[in-house]
Amino acid sequence: MRQIGILFELINNLGSYDIVFADEAGMWMLPIREEPCIKAYLESAAAILEPEEYVNAVLPVIHYDSRSSFLNKAYETAKRTANKNQNALLEAKINQTSIRTKL
C-alpha cells in the first residue's frame, strides 16, 4: 500500500500535468498533426546522418506510416529529403524488408 500512497502524492504534486496509465502509448494520444513532425524529423535526419544511419532512423517511421494508410507521407518525404547515397541505400533496404511504400 505504501507504493499507492507514493503514487497519489506524486499525482497531487504534479499540478496540471496529465498522467496516462496505458499499455499502449503513442503519438495518437497527442493533439497534434503527425505529418509536420515526421517531415521535420526526416529532414533533420537527412541533413546530419550518414546513409546507413539515415536508413536506420527512417525505416521505422516509413513502416509505421505504411500501417496507417500512408497518412503522413513518410516515404515520399524520406525520398525527397535524402541525398543520392541515402536514397540508394533506403531503396535497397526497403526492397530487402518488403516494407510497403504505397497502397
PDB file of N, CA and C in Angstrom:
ATOM      1  N   MET A   1       0.823  -1.206   0.000  1.00  0.00           N
ATOM      2  CA  MET A   1       0.000   0.000   0.000  1.00  0.00           C
ATOM      3  C   MET A   1       0.854   1.252   0.000  1.00  0.00           C
ATOM      4  N   ARG A   2       2.077   1.159   0.490  1.00  0.00           N
ATOM      5  CA  ARG A   2       2.959   2.327   0.521  1.00  0.00           C
ATOM      6  C   ARG A   2       3.174   2.888  -0.884  1.00  0.00           C
ATOM      7  N   GLN A   3       3.303   1.989  -1.900  1.00  0.00           N
ATOM      8  CA  GLN A   3       3.524   2.437  -3.265  1.00  0.00           C
ATOM      9  C   GLN A   3       2.342   3.257  -3.789  1.00  0.00           C
ATOM     10  N   ILE A   4       1.134   2.851  -3.444  1.00  0.00           N
ATOM     11  CA  ILE A   4      -0.047   3.600  -3.884  1.00  0.00           C
ATOM     12  C   ILE A   4      -0.046   4.989  -3.262  1.00  0.00           C
ATOM     13  N   GLY A   5       0.347   5.080  -1.994  1.00  0.00           N
ATOM     14  CA  GLY A   5       0.438   6.384  -1.344  1.00  0.00           C
ATOM     15  C   GLY A   5       1.450   7.285  -2.028  1.00  0.00           C
ATOM     16  N   ILE A   6       2.580   6.715  -2.407  1.00  0.00           N
ATOM     17  CA  ILE A   6       3.606   7.487  -3.122  1.00  0.00           C
ATOM     18  C   ILE A   6       3.067   7.953  -4.469  1.00  0.00           C
ATOM     19  N   LEU A   7       2.356   7.070  -5.159  1.00  0.00           N
ATOM     20  CA  LEU A   7       1.786   7.409  -6.459  1.00  0.00           C
ATOM     21  C   LEU A   7       0.797   8.569  -6.343  1.00  0.00           C
ATOM     22  N   PHE A   8      -0.099   8.507  -5.371  1.00  0.00           N
ATOM     23  CA  PHE A   8      -1.073   9.592  -5.216  1.00  0.00           C
ATOM     24  C   PHE A   8      -0.406  10.890  -4.766  1.00  0.00           C
ATOM     25  N   GLU A   9       0.634  10.802  -3.985  1.00  0.00           N
ATOM     26  CA  GLU A   9       1.373  12.004  -3.601  1.00  0.00           C
ATOM     27  C   GLU A   9       2.015  12.634  -4.833  1.00  0.00           C
ATOM     28  N   LEU A  10       2.570  11.800  -5.703  1.00  0.00           N
ATOM     29  CA  LEU A  10       3.154  12.285  -6.945  1.00  0.00           C
ATOM     30  C   LEU A  10       2.097  12.962  -7.807  1.00  0.00           C
ATOM     31  N   ILE A  11       0.952  12.330  -7.960  1.00  0.00           N
ATOM     32  CA  ILE A  11      -0.134  12.890  -8.757  1.00  0.00           C
ATOM     33  C   ILE A  11      -0.552  14.250  -8.204  1.00  0.00           C
ATOM     34  N   ASN A  12      -0.689  14.346  -6.905  1.00  0.00           N
ATOM     35  CA  ASN A  12      -1.089  15.611  -6.285  1.00  0.00           C
ATOM     36  C   ASN A  12      -0.055  16.708  -6.503  1.00  0.00           C
ATOM     37  N   ASN A  13       1.225  16.344  -6.541  1.00  0.00           N
ATOM     38  CA  ASN A  13       2.290  17.333  -6.696  1.00  0.00           C
ATOM     39  C   ASN A  13       2.523  17.752  -8.146  1.00  0.00           C
ATOM     40  N   LEU A  14       1.968  17.020  -9.091  1.00  0.00           N
ATOM     41  CA  LEU A  14       2.194  17.342 -10.495  1.00  0.00           C
ATOM     42  C   LEU A  14       1.370  18.536 -10.970  1.00  0.00           C
ATOM     43  N   GLY A  15       0.355  18.875 -10.279  1.00  0.00           N
ATOM     44  CA  GLY A  15      -0.449  20.028 -10.695  1.00  0.00           C
ATOM     45  C   GLY A  15      -1.285  19.715 -11.909  1.00  0.00           C
ATOM     46  N   SER A  16      -1.101  20.498 -12.985  1.00  0.00           N
ATOM     47  CA  SER A  16      -1.980  20.383 -14.146  1.00  0.00           C
ATOM     48  C   SER A  16      -1.484  19.388 -15.206  1.00  0.00           C
ATOM     49  N   TYR A  17      -0.429  18.652 -14.927  1.00  0.00           N
ATOM     50  CA  TYR A  17       0.051  17.666 -15.896  1.00  0.00           C
ATOM     51  C   TYR A  17      -0.878  16.466 -15.937  1.00  0.00           C
ATOM     52  N   ASP A  18      -0.979  15.870 -17.118  1.00  0.00           N
ATOM     53  CA  ASP A  18      -1.775  14.660 -17.276  1.00  0.00           C
ATOM     54  C   ASP A  18      -0.885  13.440 -17.096  1.00  0.00           C
ATOM     55  N   ILE A  19      -1.419  12.434 -16.479  1.00  0.00           N
ATOM     56  CA  ILE A  19      -0.728  11.162 -16.329  1.00  0.00           C
ATOM     57  C   ILE A  19      -1.538  10.130 -17.097  1.00  0.00           C
ATOM     58  N   VAL A  20      -0.838   9.348 -17.892  1.00  0.00           N
ATOM     59  CA  VAL A  20      -1.503   8.330 -18.684  1.00  0.00           C
ATOM     60  C   VAL A  20      -1.023   6.973 -18.209  1.00  0.00           C
ATOM     61  N   PHE A  21      -1.956   6.139 -17.825  1.00  0.00           N
ATOM     62  CA  PHE A  21      -1.660   4.754 -17.479  1.00  0.00           C
ATOM     63  C   PHE A  21      -2.173   3.919 -18.644  1.00  0.00           C
ATOM     64  N   ALA A  22      -1.243   3.359 -19.414  1.00  0.00           N
ATOM     65  CA  ALA A  22      -1.668   2.631 -20.600  1.00  0.00           C
ATOM     66  C   ALA A  22      -0.645   1.580 -20.972  1.00  0.00           C
ATOM     67  N   ASP A  23      -1.127   0.538 -21.584  1.00  0.00           N
ATOM     68  CA  ASP A  23      -0.231  -0.456 -22.143  1.00  0.00           C
ATOM     69  C   ASP A  23       0.311   0.023 -23.478  1.00  0.00           C
ATOM     70  N   GLU A  24      -0.419   0.916 -24.119  1.00  0.00           N
ATOM     71  CA  GLU A  24      -0.022   1.420 -25.423  1.00  0.00           C
ATOM     72  C   GLU A  24      -0.058   2.943 -25.378  1.00  0.00           C
ATOM     73  N   ALA A  25       1.092   3.538 -25.541  1.00  0.00           N
ATOM     74  CA  ALA A  25       1.161   4.987 -25.626  1.00  0.00           C
ATOM     75  C   ALA A  25       1.763   5.330 -26.978  1.00  0.00           C
ATOM     76  N   GLY A  26       1.319   6.395 -27.569  1.00  0.00           N
ATOM     77  CA  GLY A  26       1.853   6.760 -28.870  1.00  0.00           C
ATOM     78  C   GLY A  26       1.457   8.163 -29.252  1.00  0.00           C
ATOM     79  N   MET A  27       1.926   8.569 -30.433  1.00  0.00           N
ATOM     80  CA  MET A  27       1.627   9.921 -30.897  1.00  0.00           C
ATOM     81  C   MET A  27       0.137  10.150 -31.076  1.00  0.00           C
ATOM     82  N   TRP A  28      -0.626   9.093 -31.291  1.00  0.00           N
ATOM     83  CA  TRP A  28      -2.069   9.247 -31.484  1.00  0.00           C
ATOM     84  C   TRP A  28      -2.723   9.867 -30.256  1.00  0.00           C
ATOM     85  N   MET A  29      -2.040   9.813 -29.117  1.00  0.00           N
ATOM     86  CA  MET A  29      -2.603  10.379 -27.888  1.00  0.00           C
ATOM     87  C   MET A  29      -2.387  11.888 -27.803  1.00  0.00           C
ATOM     88  N   LEU A  30      -1.500  12.429 -28.632  1.00  0.00           N
ATOM     89  CA  LEU A  30      -1.208  13.851 -28.587  1.00  0.00           C
ATOM     90  C   LEU A  30      -2.115  14.611 -29.554  1.00  0.00           C
ATOM     91  N   PRO A  31      -2.591  15.765 -29.150  1.00  0.00           N
ATOM     92  CA  PRO A  31      -3.496  16.538 -30.010  1.00  0.00           C
ATOM     93  C   PRO A  31      -2.727  17.362 -31.048  1.00  0.00           C
ATOM     94  N   ILE A  32      -1.920  16.679 -31.869  1.00  0.00           N
ATOM     95  CA  ILE A  32      -1.131  17.362 -32.893  1.00  0.00           C
ATOM     96  C   ILE A  32      -1.254  16.601 -34.206  1.00  0.00           C
ATOM     97  N   ARG A  33      -0.888  17.265 -35.272  1.00  0.00           N
ATOM     98  CA  ARG A  33      -0.806  16.589 -36.568  1.00  0.00           C
ATOM     99  C   ARG A  33       0.574  15.950 -36.667  1.00  0.00           C
ATOM    100  N   GLU A  34       0.630  14.690 -37.015  1.00  0.00           N
ATOM    101  CA  GLU A  34       1.897  13.974 -37.098  1.00  0.00           C
ATOM    102  C   GLU A  34       2.732  14.393 -38.306  1.00  0.00           C
ATOM    103  N   GLU A  35       2.092  14.676 -39.419  1.00  0.00           N
ATOM    104  CA  GLU A  35       2.833  14.907 -40.662  1.00  0.00           C
ATOM    105  C   GLU A  35       3.926  15.970 -40.535  1.00  0.00           C
ATOM    106  N   PRO A  36       3.667  17.157 -39.958  1.00  0.00           N
ATOM    107  CA  PRO A  36       4.752  18.137 -39.836  1.00  0.00           C
ATOM    108  C   PRO A  36       5.888  17.656 -38.933  1.00  0.00           C
ATOM    109  N   CYS A  37       5.562  16.902 -37.906  1.00  0.00           N
ATOM    110  CA  CYS A  37       6.598  16.374 -37.010  1.00  0.00           C
ATOM    111  C   CYS A  37       7.467  15.359 -37.732  1.00  0.00           C
ATOM    112  N   ILE A  38       6.832  14.473 -38.475  1.00  0.00           N
ATOM    113  CA  ILE A  38       7.562  13.454 -39.218  1.00  0.00           C
ATOM    114  C   ILE A  38       8.412  14.107 -40.299  1.00  0.00           C
ATOM    115  N   LYS A  39       7.862  15.097 -40.978  1.00  0.00           N
ATOM    116  CA  LYS A  39       8.619  15.812 -42.015  1.00  0.00           C
ATOM    117  C   LYS A  39       9.865  16.458 -41.414  1.00  0.00           C
ATOM    118  N   ALA A  40       9.730  17.127 -40.285  1.00  0.00           N
ATOM    119  CA  ALA A  40      10.877  17.767 -39.637  1.00  0.00           C
ATOM    120  C   ALA A  40      11.914  16.735 -39.207  1.00  0.00           C
ATOM    121  N   TYR A  41      11.458  15.604 -38.681  1.00  0.00           N
ATOM    122  CA  TYR A  41      12.366  14.537 -38.271  1.00  0.00           C
ATOM    123  C   TYR A  41      13.148  14.006 -39.464  1.00  0.00           C
ATOM    124  N   LEU A  42      12.455  13.732 -40.564  1.00  0.00           N
ATOM    125  CA  LEU A  42      13.117  13.183 -41.746  1.00  0.00           C
ATOM    126  C   LEU A  42      14.079  14.191 -42.368  1.00  0.00           C
ATOM    127  N   GLU A  43      13.705  15.447 -42.415  1.00  0.00           N
ATOM    128  CA  GLU A  43      14.598  16.485 -42.954  1.00  0.00           C
ATOM    129  C   GLU A  43      15.853  16.610 -42.099  1.00  0.00           C
ATOM    130  N   SER A  44      15.682  16.583 -40.793  1.00  0.00           N
ATOM    131  CA  SER A  44      16.830  16.679 -39.884  1.00  0.00           C
ATOM    132  C   SER A  44      17.743  15.472 -40.033  1.00  0.00           C
ATOM    133  N   ALA A  45      17.146  14.290 -40.114  1.00  0.00           N
ATOM    134  CA  ALA A  45      17.938  13.065 -40.267  1.00  0.00           C
ATOM    135  C   ALA A  45      18.733  13.109 -41.564  1.00  0.00           C
ATOM    136  N   ALA A  46      18.116  13.540 -42.644  1.00  0.00           N
ATOM    137  CA  ALA A  46      18.798  13.607 -43.935  1.00  0.00           C
ATOM    138  C   ALA A  46      19.966  14.585 -43.899  1.00  0.00           C
ATOM    139  N   ALA A  47      19.809  15.654 -43.152  1.00  0.00           N
ATOM    140  CA  ALA A  47      20.839  16.691 -43.105  1.00  0.00           C
ATOM    141  C   ALA A  47      22.079  16.273 -42.325  1.00  0.00           C
ATOM    142  N   ILE A  48      21.918  15.399 -41.337  1.00  0.00           N
ATOM    143  CA  ILE A  48      23.061  15.139 -40.450  1.00  0.00           C
ATOM    144  C   ILE A  48      23.561  13.694 -40.423  1.00  0.00           C
ATOM    145  N   LEU A  49      22.808  12.766 -40.985  1.00  0.00           N
ATOM    146  CA  LEU A  49      23.178  11.358 -40.833  1.00  0.00           C
ATOM    147  C   LEU A  49      23.820  10.776 -42.085  1.00  0.00           C
ATOM    148  N   GLU A  50      24.746   9.880 -41.857  1.00  0.00           N
ATOM    149  CA  GLU A  50      25.333   9.106 -42.945  1.00  0.00           C
ATOM    150  C   GLU A  50      24.261   8.155 -43.484  1.00  0.00           C
ATOM    151  N   PRO A  51      24.419   7.655 -44.712  1.00  0.00           N
ATOM    152  CA  PRO A  51      23.370   6.827 -45.314  1.00  0.00           C
ATOM    153  C   PRO A  51      22.873   5.675 -44.434  1.00  0.00           C
ATOM    154  N   GLU A  52      23.768   4.907 -43.842  1.00  0.00           N
ATOM    155  CA  GLU A  52      23.342   3.774 -43.005  1.00  0.00           C
ATOM    156  C   GLU A  52      22.549   4.252 -41.789  1.00  0.00           C
ATOM    157  N   GLU A  53      23.018   5.316 -41.162  1.00  0.00           N
ATOM    158  CA  GLU A  53      22.312   5.875 -40.004  1.00  0.00           C
ATOM    159  C   GLU A  53      20.950   6.426 -40.427  1.00  0.00           C
ATOM    160  N   TYR A  54      20.932   7.077 -41.569  1.00  0.00           N
ATOM    161  CA  TYR A  54      19.679   7.644 -42.079  1.00  0.00           C
ATOM    162  C   TYR A  54      18.637   6.553 -42.276  1.00  0.00           C
ATOM    163  N   VAL A  55      19.035   5.501 -42.950  1.00  0.00           N
ATOM    164  CA  VAL A  55      18.111   4.406 -43.223  1.00  0.00           C
ATOM    165  C   VAL A  55      17.609   3.785 -41.925  1.00  0.00           C
ATOM    166  N   ASN A  56      18.509   3.581 -40.975  1.00  0.00           N
ATOM    167  CA  ASN A  56      18.092   3.022 -39.677  1.00  0.00           C
ATOM    168  C   ASN A  56      17.135   3.944 -38.940  1.00  0.00           C
ATOM    169  N   ALA A  57      17.268   5.238 -39.148  1.00  0.00           N
ATOM    170  CA  ALA A  57      16.397   6.201 -38.473  1.00  0.00           C
ATOM    171  C   ALA A  57      15.032   6.318 -39.149  1.00  0.00           C
ATOM    172  N   VAL A  58      14.994   6.197 -40.476  1.00  0.00           N
ATOM    173  CA  VAL A  58      13.731   6.456 -41.176  1.00  0.00           C
ATOM    174  C   VAL A  58      12.894   5.214 -41.476  1.00  0.00           C
ATOM    175  N   LEU A  59      13.509   4.049 -41.565  1.00  0.00           N
ATOM    176  CA  LEU A  59      12.730   2.846 -41.867  1.00  0.00           C
ATOM    177  C   LEU A  59      11.591   2.601 -40.874  1.00  0.00           C
ATOM    178  N   PRO A  60      11.825   2.734 -39.562  1.00  0.00           N
ATOM    179  CA  PRO A  60      10.698   2.534 -38.640  1.00  0.00           C
ATOM    180  C   PRO A  60       9.565   3.540 -38.857  1.00  0.00           C
ATOM    181  N   VAL A  61       9.902   4.752 -39.239  1.00  0.00           N
ATOM    182  CA  VAL A  61       8.885   5.775 -39.484  1.00  0.00           C
ATOM    183  C   VAL A  61       8.078   5.413 -40.735  1.00  0.00           C
ATOM    184  N   ILE A  62       8.759   4.981 -41.773  1.00  0.00           N
ATOM    185  CA  ILE A  62       8.075   4.581 -43.007  1.00  0.00           C
ATOM    186  C   ILE A  62       7.189   3.367 -42.743  1.00  0.00           C
ATOM    187  N   HIS A  63       7.703   2.413 -41.999  1.00  0.00           N
ATOM    188  CA  HIS A  63       6.918   1.216 -41.675  1.00  0.00           C
ATOM    189  C   HIS A  63       5.684   1.586 -40.857  1.00  0.00           C
ATOM    190  N   TYR A  64       5.842   2.439 -39.874  1.00  0.00           N
ATOM    191  CA  TYR A  64       4.710   2.910 -39.063  1.00  0.00           C
ATOM    192  C   TYR A  64       3.665   3.584 -39.952  1.00  0.00           C
ATOM    193  N   ASP A  65       4.134   4.440 -40.864  1.00  0.00           N
ATOM    194  CA  ASP A  65       3.216   5.164 -41.732  1.00  0.00           C
ATOM    195  C   ASP A  65       2.493   4.212 -42.690  1.00  0.00           C
ATOM    196  N   SER A  66       3.171   3.154 -43.113  1.00  0.00           N
ATOM    197  CA  SER A  66       2.534   2.200 -44.028  1.00  0.00           C
ATOM    198  C   SER A  66       1.373   1.478 -43.351  1.00  0.00           C
ATOM    199  N   ARG A  67       1.452   1.332 -42.042  1.00  0.00           N
ATOM    200  CA  ARG A  67       0.359   0.688 -41.311  1.00  0.00           C
ATOM    201  C   ARG A  67      -0.801   1.641 -41.078  1.00  0.00           C
ATOM    202  N   SER A  68      -0.583   2.956 -41.282  1.00  0.00           N
ATOM    203  CA  SER A  68      -1.677   3.915 -41.134  1.00  0.00           C
ATOM    204  C   SER A  68      -2.067   4.515 -42.476  1.00  0.00           C
ATOM    205  N   SER A  69      -2.049   3.681 -43.506  1.00  0.00           N
ATOM    206  CA  SER A  69      -2.503   4.066 -44.851  1.00  0.00           C
ATOM    207  C   SER A  69      -1.733   5.247 -45.426  1.00  0.00           C
ATOM    208  N   PHE A  70      -0.470   5.400 -45.050  1.00  0.00           N
ATOM    209  CA  PHE A  70       0.410   6.430 -45.592  1.00  0.00           C
ATOM    210  C   PHE A  70      -0.123   7.839 -45.342  1.00  0.00           C
ATOM    211  N   LEU A  71      -0.809   7.994 -44.244  1.00  0.00           N
ATOM    212  CA  LEU A  71      -1.416   9.273 -43.873  1.00  0.00           C
ATOM    213  C   LEU A  71      -0.385  10.399 -43.814  1.00  0.00           C
ATOM    214  N   ASN A  72       0.816  10.099 -43.314  1.00  0.00           N
ATOM    215  CA  ASN A  72       1.829  11.140 -43.107  1.00  0.00           C
ATOM    216  C   ASN A  72       2.836  11.280 -44.249  1.00  0.00           C
ATOM    217  N   LYS A  73       2.671  10.489 -45.300  1.00  0.00           N
ATOM    218  CA  LYS A  73       3.534  10.585 -46.482  1.00  0.00           C
ATOM    219  C   LYS A  73       5.019  10.450 -46.135  1.00  0.00           C
ATOM    220  N   ALA A  74       5.327   9.567 -45.213  1.00  0.00           N
ATOM    221  CA  ALA A  74       6.700   9.422 -44.737  1.00  0.00           C
ATOM    222  C   ALA A  74       7.651   8.965 -45.835  1.00  0.00           C
ATOM    223  N   TYR A  75       7.232   8.020 -46.642  1.00  0.00           N
ATOM    224  CA  TYR A  75       8.129   7.514 -47.689  1.00  0.00           C
ATOM    225  C   TYR A  75       8.455   8.609 -48.693  1.00  0.00           C
ATOM    226  N   GLU A  76       7.443   9.318 -49.157  1.00  0.00           N
ATOM    227  CA  GLU A  76       7.681  10.387 -50.130  1.00  0.00           C
ATOM    228  C   GLU A  76       8.603  11.457 -49.552  1.00  0.00           C
ATOM    229  N   THR A  77       8.380  11.809 -48.296  1.00  0.00           N
ATOM    230  CA  THR A  77       9.210  12.826 -47.650  1.00  0.00           C
ATOM    231  C   THR A  77      10.629  12.322 -47.471  1.00  0.00           C
ATOM    232  N   ALA A  78      10.789  11.076 -47.083  1.00  0.00           N
ATOM    233  CA  ALA A  78      12.126  10.499 -46.900  1.00  0.00           C
ATOM    234  C   ALA A  78      12.890  10.514 -48.222  1.00  0.00           C
ATOM    235  N   LYS A  79      12.223  10.162 -49.313  1.00  0.00           N
ATOM    236  CA  LYS A  79      12.876  10.169 -50.627  1.00  0.00           C
ATOM    237  C   LYS A  79      13.252  11.591 -51.051  1.00  0.00           C
ATOM    238  N   ARG A  80      12.369  12.527 -50.794  1.00  0.00           N
ATOM    239  CA  ARG A  80      12.585  13.919 -51.215  1.00  0.00           C
ATOM    240  C   ARG A  80      13.710  14.584 -50.427  1.00  0.00           C
ATOM    241  N   THR A  81      13.839  14.248 -49.158  1.00  0.00           N
ATOM    242  CA  THR A  81      14.819  14.934 -48.315  1.00  0.00           C
ATOM    243  C   THR A  81      16.187  14.265 -48.309  1.00  0.00           C
ATOM    244  N   ALA A  82      16.255  13.011 -48.703  1.00  0.00           N
ATOM    245  CA  ALA A  82      17.522  12.274 -48.670  1.00  0.00           C
ATOM    246  C   ALA A  82      18.435  12.681 -49.822  1.00  0.00           C
ATOM    247  N   ASN A  83      19.729  12.535 -49.584  1.00  0.00           N
ATOM    248  CA  ASN A  83      20.669  12.752 -50.682  1.00  0.00           C
ATOM    249  C   ASN A  83      20.770  11.474 -51.513  1.00  0.00           C
ATOM    250  N   LYS A  84      21.574  11.509 -52.572  1.00  0.00           N
ATOM    251  CA  LYS A  84      21.664  10.386 -53.513  1.00  0.00           C
ATOM    252  C   LYS A  84      22.077   9.081 -52.823  1.00  0.00           C
ATOM    253  N   ASN A  85      23.078   9.121 -51.978  1.00  0.00           N
ATOM    254  CA  ASN A  85      23.551   7.914 -51.297  1.00  0.00           C
ATOM    255  C   ASN A  85      22.530   7.392 -50.285  1.00  0.00           C
ATOM    256  N   GLN A  86      21.901   8.296 -49.563  1.00  0.00           N
ATOM    257  CA  GLN A  86      20.864   7.894 -48.606  1.00  0.00           C
ATOM    258  C   GLN A  86      19.699   7.243 -49.345  1.00  0.00           C
ATOM    259  N   ASN A  87      19.295   7.835 -50.473  1.00  0.00           N
ATOM    260  CA  ASN A  87      18.193   7.286 -51.264  1.00  0.00           C
ATOM    261  C   ASN A  87      18.498   5.896 -51.794  1.00  0.00           C
ATOM    262  N   ALA A  88      19.702   5.710 -52.293  1.00  0.00           N
ATOM    263  CA  ALA A  88      20.078   4.404 -52.853  1.00  0.00           C
ATOM    264  C   ALA A  88      20.012   3.326 -51.781  1.00  0.00           C
ATOM    265  N   LEU A  89      20.551   3.617 -50.613  1.00  0.00           N
ATOM    266  CA  LEU A  89      20.531   2.633 -49.534  1.00  0.00           C
ATOM    267  C   LEU A  89      19.114   2.423 -49.009  1.00  0.00           C
ATOM    268  N   LEU A  90      18.333   3.495 -48.934  1.00  0.00           N
ATOM    269  CA  LEU A  90      16.951   3.378 -48.480  1.00  0.00           C
ATOM    270  C   LEU A  90      16.163   2.447 -49.397  1.00  0.00           C
ATOM    271  N   GLU A  91      16.296   2.617 -50.695  1.00  0.00           N
ATOM    272  CA  GLU A  91      15.590   1.751 -51.644  1.00  0.00           C
ATOM    273  C   GLU A  91      16.012   0.296 -51.494  1.00  0.00           C
ATOM    274  N   ALA A  92      17.311   0.079 -51.330  1.00  0.00           N
ATOM    275  CA  ALA A  92      17.815  -1.291 -51.167  1.00  0.00           C
ATOM    276  C   ALA A  92      17.239  -1.940 -49.910  1.00  0.00           C
ATOM    277  N   LYS A  93      17.223  -1.198 -48.821  1.00  0.00           N
ATOM    278  CA  LYS A  93      16.700  -1.744 -47.558  1.00  0.00           C
ATOM    279  C   LYS A  93      15.195  -1.985 -47.633  1.00  0.00           C
ATOM    280  N   ILE A  94      14.483  -1.090 -48.280  1.00  0.00           N
ATOM    281  CA  ILE A  94      13.038  -1.278 -48.422  1.00  0.00           C
ATOM    282  C   ILE A  94      12.757  -2.542 -49.222  1.00  0.00           C
ATOM    283  N   ASN A  95      13.515  -2.746 -50.272  1.00  0.00           N
ATOM    284  CA  ASN A  95      13.340  -3.962 -51.077  1.00  0.00           C
ATOM    285  C   ASN A  95      13.668  -5.219 -50.272  1.00  0.00           C
ATOM    286  N   GLN A  96      14.665  -5.147 -49.402  1.00  0.00           N
ATOM    287  CA  GLN A  96      15.045  -6.297 -48.565  1.00  0.00           C
ATOM    288  C   GLN A  96      13.988  -6.608 -47.515  1.00  0.00           C
ATOM    289  N   THR A  97      13.402  -5.575 -46.950  1.00  0.00           N
ATOM    290  CA  THR A  97      12.467  -5.766 -45.835  1.00  0.00           C
ATOM    291  C   THR A  97      11.019  -5.872 -46.280  1.00  0.00           C
ATOM    292  N   SER A  98      10.733  -5.570 -47.527  1.00  0.00           N
ATOM    293  CA  SER A  98       9.365  -5.622 -48.062  1.00  0.00           C
ATOM    294  C   SER A  98       8.415  -4.669 -47.361  1.00  0.00           C
ATOM    295  N   ILE A  99       8.909  -3.539 -46.912  1.00  0.00           N
ATOM    296  CA  ILE A  99       8.042  -2.506 -46.340  1.00  0.00           C
ATOM    297  C   ILE A  99       7.236  -1.891 -47.473  1.00  0.00           C
ATOM    298  N   ARG A 100       5.928  -1.797 -47.272  1.00  0.00           N
ATOM    299  CA  ARG A 100       5.064  -1.192 -48.285  1.00  0.00           C
ATOM    300  C   ARG A 100       5.369   0.294 -48.403  1.00  0.00           C
ATOM    301  N   THR A 101       5.342   0.788 -49.631  1.00  0.00           N
ATOM    302  CA  THR A 101       5.556   2.218 -49.860  1.00  0.00           C
ATOM    303  C   THR A 101       4.373   2.883 -50.546  1.00  0.00           C
ATOM    304  N   LYS A 102       3.364   2.096 -50.888  1.00  0.00           N
ATOM    305  CA  LYS A 102       2.140   2.658 -51.465  1.00  0.00           C
ATOM    306  C   LYS A 102       0.988   1.688 -51.228  1.00  0.00           C
ATOM    307  N   LEU A 103      -0.220   2.210 -51.368  1.00  0.00           N
ATOM    308  CA  LEU A 103      -1.410   1.383 -51.173  1.00  0.00           C
ATOM    309  C   LEU A 103      -1.554   0.330 -52.237  1.00  0.00           C
TER     310      LEU A 103
END
